Amino acid sequence: MIIRKSKGLHGQVQVPGDKSISHRSVMFGSIAKGKTEIHHYLQGADCLSTISCFRSMGIDIDNQGDIVVVHGKGLRGLKRPEGVLDCGNSGTTTRLISGILAAQNFDVVLTGDESIQKRPMKRIMEPLTLMGAHIHSLKDNGCAPLEITGGPLRGITYTSKVASAQVKSAILLAGLYAEGATKVTEPYLSRNHSEIMLKYFGADVSSEGTTAILHPGREPEGRLVSVPGDISSAAYLICAGLMVPNSEILLHHVGINPTRAGILKVCRAMGADITLMNEQSDSGEPTADILVRSSLLHGTVMEGALIPTLIDELPMLAAMACFAEGETIIRDAAELKVKESNRIQVMVRNLAAMGADVTETEDGMIIRGGRPLHGAVIHSCLDHRIAMTFAVAGLCAEGETKITGGECVKISYPGFYEDLMRLAK
């Protein structure tokens, strides 16, 4: 993909459906009783992997594009797949589905692409094993492929070392099948889409501070789910609108769940001109239209409890910091090392190639903004968030920015380049 400097971005965009909520709507709908109708489902590769896995376990799923209909069979309605379950590039699919599979009356092997087979799975294997699950890493390295032998589970009280919605969700899903209550406490509150949706589907879920509590006994029932626009996808257009001079962009019906909306806090702390309009709630999730205008930005610090609310947006915010006056510090973000790529290393290397003044640290980076950037050859490492980040950075850099492996954006935002180029006209 080749990107050139833009003179201004203008227009309106409906960003794709939220990836996290799309995954969960199919998973929860599959183990619920009756029909679940999902509107604005994300047709990205990751979410299609979730559909494929549940179809392999006997669930009828009608994918009509913007609308997906799941014919759920209840908690005990899944059947043993004929072959290996392939999660593709999706860490969400791999980790969340493990919680469900741990309680089934069959065994299964769960795998994914080369990237997934390097991502840490001990973080779910440990708590699920404490619940009575039998999970084995076939390569004995704590990664997929995972062999899961389903069986009876017991509820646990678990303190997670990391603030991870995927860990929390895997445990809560296993808790639906367990004997006794399941409680998960995190160091900080991670995104809470699972708690919201499980409650919406009728499960007995509550929260106390950073602890989520699930009591078994209530079988989920199918629902109508309206998926808001993904704020992680909107992030690239929000930052583009702030960074590119003479820009004004309106993004429709974007999810602004507080456990995900850290990017809005950071942008405002940097001096951004952002207005929320038409705020409402869909399926328990808050949404708004977001109006963004180009702004003079300054540096800030991102750390602590803020990090889990914008972990996927940190690459884009790091790039935007290059165009802000002063110093920006990102810390407490070691989780970036175990994403689709080591996003700390990849960001620092690629930003430096464009002329940025950036220093890698053990758990983040320091960006000294205000230096003009120039085009470069950017290696995406087949990481969709890296590719989209540098497409936006390229709009503000002199010369051409070439992104290798840029097609990986289909993982989460299949129409990203089309939307970006339409705004740039």
Protein backbone atom coordinates (compact mmCIF):
# COMPACT_ATOMS: atom_id res chain seq x y z
CA MET A 1 0.00 0.00 0.00
CA ILE A 2 1.34 3.46 -0.96
CA ILE A 3 0.27 6.53 1.05
CA ARG A 4 0.97 10.18 0.22
CA LYS A 5 0.62 13.40 2.19
CA SER A 6 -2.93 14.79 2.45
CA LYS A 7 -4.11 18.42 2.42
CA GLY A 8 -7.20 17.64 4.50
CA LEU A 9 -9.76 14.95 5.36
CA HIS A 10 -13.51 15.59 5.10
CA GLY A 11 -16.62 13.44 5.25
CA GLN A 12 -18.70 11.00 7.25
CA VAL A 13 -17.95 7.33 7.98
CA GLN A 14 -19.75 4.40 9.58
CA VAL A 15 -16.86 2.30 10.90
CA PRO A 16 -17.25 -1.52 10.99
CA GLY A 17 -18.94 -3.27 13.89
CA ASP A 18 -17.02 -3.71 17.12
CA LYS A 19 -14.74 -6.74 16.87
CA SER A 20 -14.99 -7.72 20.55
CA ILE A 21 -18.78 -7.48 20.59
CA SER A 22 -19.13 -9.30 17.25
CA HIS A 23 -17.08 -12.25 18.54
CA ARG A 24 -19.09 -12.47 21.73
CA SER A 25 -22.48 -12.18 20.05
CA VAL A 26 -21.84 -15.33 17.99
CA MET A 27 -20.27 -17.25 20.89
CA PHE A 28 -22.97 -16.37 23.39
CA GLY A 29 -25.71 -16.83 20.81
CA SER A 30 -24.41 -20.32 20.01
CA ILE A 31 -24.67 -21.51 23.63
CA ALA A 32 -27.95 -19.67 24.27
CA LYS A 33 -31.43 -21.11 23.77
CA GLY A 34 -33.14 -19.92 20.61
CA LYS A 35 -32.32 -17.40 17.90
CA THR A 36 -29.86 -14.52 18.18
CA GLU A 37 -30.04 -11.89 15.44
CA ILE A 38 -26.94 -9.71 15.17
CA HIS A 39 -26.96 -6.41 13.28
CA HIS A 40 -23.82 -4.64 11.99
CA TYR A 41 -21.66 -7.73 12.53
CA LEU A 42 -18.00 -7.23 11.66
CA GLN A 43 -17.14 -9.20 8.52
CA GLY A 44 -13.42 -9.22 9.34
CA ALA A 45 -11.29 -12.33 9.15
CA ASP A 46 -11.10 -12.75 12.93
CA CYS A 47 -14.86 -12.70 13.44
CA LEU A 48 -15.37 -15.04 10.49
CA SER A 49 -13.05 -17.49 12.31
CA THR A 50 -15.46 -17.48 15.26
CA ILE A 51 -18.41 -18.24 12.97
CA SER A 52 -16.44 -21.07 11.34
CA CYS A 53 -15.54 -22.65 14.69
CA PHE A 54 -19.14 -22.76 15.93
CA ARG A 55 -20.44 -24.02 12.60
CA SER A 56 -17.91 -26.85 12.96
CA MET A 57 -19.56 -27.70 16.29
CA GLY A 58 -23.03 -28.03 14.79
CA ILE A 59 -24.44 -24.51 15.18
CA ASP A 60 -26.48 -23.18 12.25
CA ILE A 61 -25.32 -19.62 11.49
CA ASP A 62 -26.78 -17.60 8.61
CA ASN A 63 -24.29 -14.93 7.58
CA GLN A 64 -26.23 -12.42 5.51
CA GLY A 65 -23.52 -9.77 5.59
CA ASP A 66 -24.63 -6.94 7.86
CA ILE A 67 -27.01 -9.32 9.68
CA VAL A 68 -25.94 -12.65 11.17
CA VAL A 69 -28.50 -15.07 12.61
CA VAL A 70 -27.33 -17.69 15.12
CA HIS A 71 -29.61 -20.63 15.92
CA GLY A 72 -28.44 -21.42 19.43
CA LYS A 73 -28.72 -24.87 20.99
CA GLY A 74 -28.16 -24.03 24.64
CA LEU A 75 -25.21 -24.67 26.94
CA ARG A 76 -25.08 -28.38 26.10
CA GLY A 77 -25.90 -28.17 22.41
CA LEU A 78 -22.41 -28.19 20.90
CA LYS A 79 -21.05 -31.34 19.27
CA ARG A 80 -17.53 -32.60 18.69
CA PRO A 81 -16.06 -31.13 15.47
CA GLU A 82 -14.83 -33.55 12.84
CA GLY A 83 -11.41 -31.94 12.67
CA VAL A 84 -9.20 -29.35 14.36
CA LEU A 85 -10.83 -26.02 15.22
CA ASP A 86 -8.91 -23.30 13.34
CA CYS A 87 -9.06 -19.86 15.02
CA GLY A 88 -7.04 -18.18 12.27
CA ASN A 89 -5.36 -15.01 13.58
CA SER A 90 -7.87 -14.46 16.38
CA GLY A 91 -6.63 -14.43 19.95
CA THR A 92 -10.15 -13.60 21.14
CA THR A 93 -11.56 -16.71 19.47
CA THR A 94 -8.78 -18.92 20.83
CA ARG A 95 -8.97 -17.78 24.43
CA LEU A 96 -12.72 -17.31 24.87
CA ILE A 97 -13.72 -20.53 23.13
CA SER A 98 -11.33 -22.42 25.43
CA GLY A 99 -13.56 -21.51 28.38
CA ILE A 100 -16.57 -23.01 26.63
CA LEU A 101 -14.73 -26.12 25.36
CA ALA A 102 -13.34 -26.89 28.83
CA ALA A 103 -16.83 -27.93 29.96
CA GLN A 104 -18.04 -29.95 26.97
CA ASN A 105 -18.42 -33.74 26.86
CA PHE A 106 -15.90 -34.13 24.04
CA ASP A 107 -12.24 -33.45 23.32
CA VAL A 108 -10.94 -31.07 20.65
CA VAL A 109 -7.72 -29.57 19.30
CA LEU A 110 -7.65 -25.79 18.94
CA THR A 111 -5.11 -24.07 16.70
CA GLY A 112 -4.53 -20.97 14.58
CA ASP A 113 -2.08 -19.32 12.22
CA GLU A 114 1.65 -18.81 12.81
CA SER A 115 1.01 -15.69 14.90
CA ILE A 116 -1.54 -17.39 17.18
CA GLN A 117 0.86 -20.28 17.74
CA LYS A 118 3.29 -17.81 19.35
CA ARG A 119 0.83 -15.98 21.60
CA PRO A 120 0.73 -16.87 25.33
CA MET A 121 -2.08 -19.21 26.39
CA LYS A 122 -0.85 -20.09 29.89
CA ARG A 123 -2.81 -17.10 31.13
CA ILE A 124 -6.05 -18.99 30.39
CA MET A 125 -4.70 -22.51 30.87
CA GLU A 126 -3.84 -21.85 34.52
CA PRO A 127 -7.26 -20.64 35.76
CA LEU A 128 -9.22 -23.13 33.62
CA THR A 129 -7.08 -25.95 35.03
CA LEU A 130 -7.89 -24.73 38.55
CA MET A 131 -11.56 -25.11 37.57
CA GLY A 132 -10.94 -28.75 36.65
CA ALA A 133 -10.24 -28.39 32.93
CA HIS A 134 -7.76 -30.56 31.03
CA ILE A 135 -5.77 -28.40 28.59
CA HIS A 136 -2.47 -29.41 27.06
CA SER A 137 -0.17 -27.36 24.83
CA LEU A 138 0.82 -29.87 22.16
CA LYS A 139 4.22 -28.23 21.72
CA ASP A 140 4.70 -27.88 25.51
CA ASN A 141 5.41 -24.17 25.09
CA GLY A 142 2.23 -22.70 26.58
CA CYS A 143 0.90 -21.81 23.13
CA ALA A 144 -1.51 -23.28 20.58
CA PRO A 145 -2.20 -25.89 19.33
CA LEU A 146 -4.16 -26.73 22.49
CA GLU A 147 -5.72 -30.10 23.21
CA ILE A 148 -8.80 -29.62 25.40
CA THR A 149 -10.60 -32.53 27.03
CA GLY A 150 -13.96 -31.32 28.32
CA GLY A 151 -15.40 -32.31 31.67
CA PRO A 152 -17.07 -31.15 34.91
CA LEU A 153 -15.88 -27.78 36.25
CA ARG A 154 -16.02 -26.03 39.62
CA GLY A 155 -16.26 -22.32 40.31
CA ILE A 156 -13.15 -20.53 41.55
CA THR A 157 -12.09 -17.19 42.99
CA TYR A 158 -9.22 -16.06 40.78
CA THR A 159 -6.91 -13.06 40.87
CA SER A 160 -5.52 -12.37 37.41
CA LYS A 161 -1.97 -11.08 37.04
CA VAL A 162 -2.97 -9.06 33.98
CA ALA A 163 -5.95 -6.85 33.17
CA SER A 164 -7.17 -8.92 30.23
CA ALA A 165 -10.74 -9.15 28.97
CA GLN A 166 -9.84 -12.38 27.18
CA VAL A 167 -8.65 -14.06 30.39
CA LYS A 168 -11.63 -12.78 32.36
CA SER A 169 -14.09 -13.84 29.65
CA ALA A 170 -12.65 -17.35 29.30
CA ILE A 171 -13.09 -17.89 33.04
CA LEU A 172 -16.62 -16.45 33.11
CA LEU A 173 -17.69 -18.60 30.15
CA ALA A 174 -16.36 -21.69 31.91
CA GLY A 175 -18.25 -20.47 34.99
CA LEU A 176 -21.56 -20.86 33.13
CA TYR A 177 -20.98 -24.63 33.33
CA ALA A 178 -19.30 -24.79 36.75
CA GLU A 179 -20.58 -25.88 40.12
CA GLY A 180 -20.60 -22.85 42.41
CA ALA A 181 -19.86 -19.17 41.83
CA THR A 182 -16.93 -17.92 39.75
CA LYS A 183 -15.14 -14.68 40.66
CA VAL A 184 -12.38 -12.96 38.67
CA THR A 185 -10.42 -10.00 40.05
CA GLU A 186 -8.09 -7.92 37.85
CA PRO A 187 -5.38 -5.39 38.77
CA TYR A 188 -7.29 -2.85 36.64
CA LEU A 189 -10.69 -3.09 35.00
CA SER A 190 -10.37 -4.47 31.45
CA ARG A 191 -13.08 -4.10 28.81
CA ASN A 192 -16.36 -5.42 30.17
CA HIS A 193 -18.24 -6.46 27.03
CA SER A 194 -18.62 -10.04 28.29
CA GLU A 195 -20.23 -8.96 31.55
CA ILE A 196 -22.64 -6.63 29.73
CA MET A 197 -23.62 -9.18 27.09
CA LEU A 198 -23.88 -12.17 29.43
CA LYS A 199 -26.25 -10.15 31.60
CA TYR A 200 -28.20 -9.05 28.50
CA PHE A 201 -28.56 -12.73 27.51
CA GLY A 202 -29.95 -13.52 30.98
CA ALA A 203 -26.94 -14.87 32.88
CA ASP A 204 -26.45 -14.00 36.55
CA VAL A 205 -23.44 -11.67 36.34
CA SER A 206 -22.46 -8.76 38.56
CA SER A 207 -19.42 -6.56 39.17
CA GLU A 208 -17.82 -5.14 42.31
CA GLY A 209 -14.90 -2.83 41.51
CA THR A 210 -12.45 -4.86 39.41
CA THR A 211 -14.13 -8.17 40.31
CA ALA A 212 -16.64 -9.90 38.01
CA ILE A 213 -18.93 -12.49 39.63
CA LEU A 214 -20.95 -15.17 37.83
CA HIS A 215 -23.44 -17.54 39.44
CA PRO A 216 -24.41 -20.54 37.26
CA GLY A 217 -27.96 -21.79 36.85
CA ARG A 218 -29.46 -19.33 34.40
CA GLU A 219 -29.20 -20.56 30.82
CA PRO A 220 -28.62 -17.71 28.34
CA GLU A 221 -31.45 -16.96 25.90
CA GLY A 222 -31.12 -15.64 22.34
CA ARG A 223 -31.38 -11.89 21.85
CA LEU A 224 -31.38 -9.15 19.22
CA VAL A 225 -27.89 -7.62 19.28
CA SER A 226 -27.01 -4.29 17.68
CA VAL A 227 -23.23 -4.05 17.34
CA PRO A 228 -21.88 -0.48 17.66
CA GLY A 229 -19.04 0.81 15.52
CA ASP A 230 -15.64 -0.34 16.78
CA ILE A 231 -13.83 2.46 18.62
CA SER A 232 -10.54 0.65 17.94
CA SER A 233 -11.23 1.01 14.20
CA ALA A 234 -12.54 4.54 14.64
CA ALA A 235 -9.26 5.40 16.42
CA TYR A 236 -7.35 5.61 13.14
CA LEU A 237 -9.84 8.05 11.64
CA ILE A 238 -10.08 10.04 14.89
CA CYS A 239 -6.31 10.48 14.96
CA ALA A 240 -6.17 11.17 11.21
CA GLY A 241 -8.73 13.94 11.65
CA LEU A 242 -6.68 15.46 14.47
CA MET A 243 -3.30 15.12 12.75
CA VAL A 244 -4.02 16.19 9.16
CA PRO A 245 -4.49 19.98 8.91
CA ASN A 246 -7.81 21.36 7.61
CA SER A 247 -9.77 18.19 8.51
CA GLU A 248 -13.28 17.54 9.82
CA ILE A 249 -14.67 13.99 10.12
CA LEU A 250 -17.95 12.69 11.54
CA LEU A 251 -18.01 9.05 12.68
CA HIS A 252 -21.45 7.55 13.20
CA HIS A 253 -22.68 5.21 15.98
CA VAL A 254 -19.35 4.37 17.63
CA GLY A 255 -19.16 2.41 20.89
CA ILE A 256 -17.94 4.59 23.77
CA ASN A 257 -17.92 2.00 26.57
CA PRO A 258 -15.76 3.56 29.35
CA THR A 259 -13.58 0.43 29.49
CA ARG A 260 -12.69 1.04 25.82
CA ALA A 261 -12.80 4.82 25.44
CA GLY A 262 -9.38 5.69 26.86
CA ILE A 263 -8.42 7.07 23.46
CA LEU A 264 -10.96 9.88 23.87
CA LYS A 265 -9.46 10.79 27.26
CA VAL A 266 -5.92 10.83 25.87
CA CYS A 267 -6.84 12.82 22.77
CA ARG A 268 -8.57 15.46 24.88
CA ALA A 269 -5.60 15.55 27.26
CA MET A 270 -3.45 16.31 24.18
CA GLY A 271 -5.69 19.21 23.18
CA ALA A 272 -7.99 17.50 20.67
CA ASP A 273 -11.17 19.08 19.32
CA ILE A 274 -13.60 16.13 19.73
CA THR A 275 -17.37 16.39 20.23
CA LEU A 276 -19.71 13.52 21.17
CA MET A 277 -23.24 13.77 19.75
CA ASN A 278 -26.40 11.67 19.76
CA GLU A 279 -25.37 9.58 22.77
CA GLN A 280 -27.54 6.50 23.36
CA SER A 281 -27.39 2.81 24.35
CA ASP A 282 -27.69 -0.35 22.22
CA SER A 283 -27.86 -3.82 23.78
CA GLY A 284 -26.44 -2.33 26.95
CA GLU A 285 -23.48 -0.66 25.19
CA PRO A 286 -23.19 3.17 25.11
CA THR A 287 -22.72 4.75 21.66
CA ALA A 288 -22.27 8.22 20.14
CA ASP A 289 -21.50 10.05 16.91
CA ILE A 290 -17.96 11.48 17.11
CA LEU A 291 -17.07 14.79 15.42
CA VAL A 292 -13.32 15.36 15.00
CA ARG A 293 -11.54 18.51 13.82
CA SER A 294 -7.81 19.00 13.20
CA SER A 295 -6.07 20.30 16.31
CA LEU A 296 -2.79 21.59 17.70
CA LEU A 297 -1.66 18.75 19.96
CA HIS A 298 0.79 18.51 22.85
CA GLY A 299 2.44 15.59 24.64
CA THR A 300 0.99 13.60 27.52
CA VAL A 301 1.59 10.55 29.73
CA MET A 302 -0.28 7.24 29.27
CA GLU A 303 0.04 4.81 32.17
CA GLY A 304 -1.64 2.75 34.90
CA ALA A 305 -5.36 2.03 34.83
CA LEU A 306 -5.71 3.96 31.56
CA ILE A 307 -3.68 1.40 29.58
CA PRO A 308 -6.25 -1.47 29.46
CA THR A 309 -8.83 1.01 28.09
CA LEU A 310 -6.71 1.78 25.00
CA ILE A 311 -4.27 -1.12 24.61
CA ASP A 312 -5.16 -1.65 20.93
CA GLU A 313 -5.00 2.08 20.20
CA LEU A 314 -1.51 2.65 21.62
CA PRO A 315 0.31 2.21 18.28
CA MET A 316 -1.85 4.90 16.68
CA LEU A 317 -1.47 7.21 19.68
CA ALA A 318 2.31 6.73 19.58
CA ALA A 319 2.37 7.79 15.94
CA MET A 320 0.13 10.79 16.66
CA ALA A 321 2.48 11.83 19.46
CA CYS A 322 5.18 12.39 16.82
CA PHE A 323 3.05 15.25 15.48
CA ALA A 324 2.40 16.76 18.92
CA GLU A 325 4.60 19.35 20.60
CA GLY A 326 6.65 18.10 23.53
CA GLU A 327 7.24 14.68 25.04
CA THR A 328 4.79 11.78 25.27
CA ILE A 329 5.48 8.83 27.57
CA ILE A 330 3.78 5.42 27.34
CA ARG A 331 4.43 3.08 30.26
CA ASP A 332 2.83 -0.01 31.90
CA ALA A 333 2.17 -1.34 28.38
CA ALA A 334 4.30 -4.52 28.30
CA GLU A 335 1.19 -6.32 27.01
CA LEU A 336 2.01 -4.78 23.60
CA LYS A 337 4.86 -7.27 23.31
CA VAL A 338 2.50 -10.27 23.01
CA LYS A 339 0.01 -8.96 20.45
CA GLU A 340 0.02 -9.93 16.75
CA SER A 341 3.57 -8.58 16.78
CA ASN A 342 5.84 -7.07 19.44
CA ARG A 343 4.19 -3.71 18.94
CA ILE A 344 6.72 -1.80 21.03
CA GLN A 345 9.65 -2.93 18.90
CA VAL A 346 7.78 -2.66 15.61
CA MET A 347 6.47 0.85 16.36
CA VAL A 348 9.86 2.18 17.46
CA ARG A 349 11.64 0.70 14.45
CA ASN A 350 9.13 2.02 11.90
CA LEU A 351 8.72 5.46 13.49
CA ALA A 352 12.52 5.85 13.54
CA ALA A 353 12.59 4.94 9.84
CA MET A 354 10.29 7.92 9.22
CA GLY A 355 12.60 10.25 11.18
CA ALA A 356 10.82 10.27 14.56
CA ASP A 357 12.67 10.84 17.83
CA VAL A 358 11.49 7.78 19.77
CA THR A 359 13.06 5.59 22.45
CA GLU A 360 11.99 2.06 23.37
CA THR A 361 11.55 1.25 27.06
CA GLU A 362 10.88 -2.01 28.87
CA ASP A 363 7.12 -1.40 29.04
CA GLY A 364 6.46 1.28 26.45
CA MET A 365 8.22 4.15 24.70
CA ILE A 366 9.12 7.84 24.88
CA ILE A 367 8.24 10.03 21.91
CA ARG A 368 9.66 13.52 21.50
CA GLY A 369 7.27 15.17 19.07
CA GLY A 370 7.46 18.10 16.71
CA ARG A 371 9.99 16.77 14.20
CA PRO A 372 8.77 16.53 10.58
CA LEU A 373 8.48 12.93 9.34
CA HIS A 374 9.26 11.60 5.89
CA GLY A 375 7.96 8.63 3.96
CA ALA A 376 9.62 5.24 4.37
CA VAL A 377 9.12 1.56 3.69
CA ILE A 378 7.07 0.28 6.62
CA HIS A 379 7.08 -3.40 7.52
CA SER A 380 3.66 -4.20 8.98
CA CYS A 381 4.74 -7.65 10.27
CA LEU A 382 1.24 -8.65 9.05
CA ASP A 383 -0.18 -6.80 12.07
CA HIS A 384 -3.38 -4.99 11.11
CA ARG A 385 -2.98 -2.27 13.72
CA ILE A 386 0.56 -1.48 12.59
CA ALA A 387 -0.54 -1.24 8.94
CA MET A 388 -3.42 1.14 9.74
CA THR A 389 -1.26 3.25 12.06
CA PHE A 390 1.33 3.96 9.39
CA ALA A 391 -1.26 4.55 6.70
CA VAL A 392 -2.45 7.46 8.86
CA ALA A 393 1.10 8.61 9.67
CA GLY A 394 1.83 8.59 5.94
CA LEU A 395 -0.90 11.18 5.38
CA CYS A 396 1.21 13.65 7.40
CA ALA A 397 4.69 12.70 6.14
CA GLU A 398 6.64 14.17 3.23
CA GLY A 399 6.97 11.88 0.23
CA GLU A 400 5.66 8.33 -0.15
CA THR A 401 5.03 5.82 2.61
CA LYS A 402 5.01 2.21 1.43
CA ILE A 403 3.42 -0.41 3.69
CA THR A 404 4.37 -4.04 3.12
CA GLY A 405 1.72 -6.64 3.93
CA GLY A 406 -0.89 -3.89 4.07
CA GLU A 407 -3.70 -6.27 3.15
CA CYS A 408 -3.69 -7.55 6.76
CA VAL A 409 -6.15 -4.77 7.65
CA LYS A 410 -8.90 -7.21 6.60
CA ILE A 411 -8.47 -8.79 10.05
CA SER A 412 -10.49 -5.98 11.65
CA TYR A 413 -11.33 -3.26 9.07
CA PRO A 414 -11.73 -4.68 5.55
CA GLY A 415 -12.69 -1.31 3.99
CA PHE A 416 -10.09 0.78 5.80
CA TYR A 417 -8.08 2.04 2.82
CA GLU A 418 -11.24 2.84 0.86
CA ASP A 419 -12.66 4.90 3.74
CA LEU A 420 -9.34 6.70 4.28
CA MET A 421 -8.89 7.58 0.60
CA ARG A 422 -12.52 8.74 0.30
CA LEU A 423 -11.96 11.17 3.18
CA ALA A 424 -8.77 12.41 1.55
CA LYS A 425 -10.43 13.38 -1.74
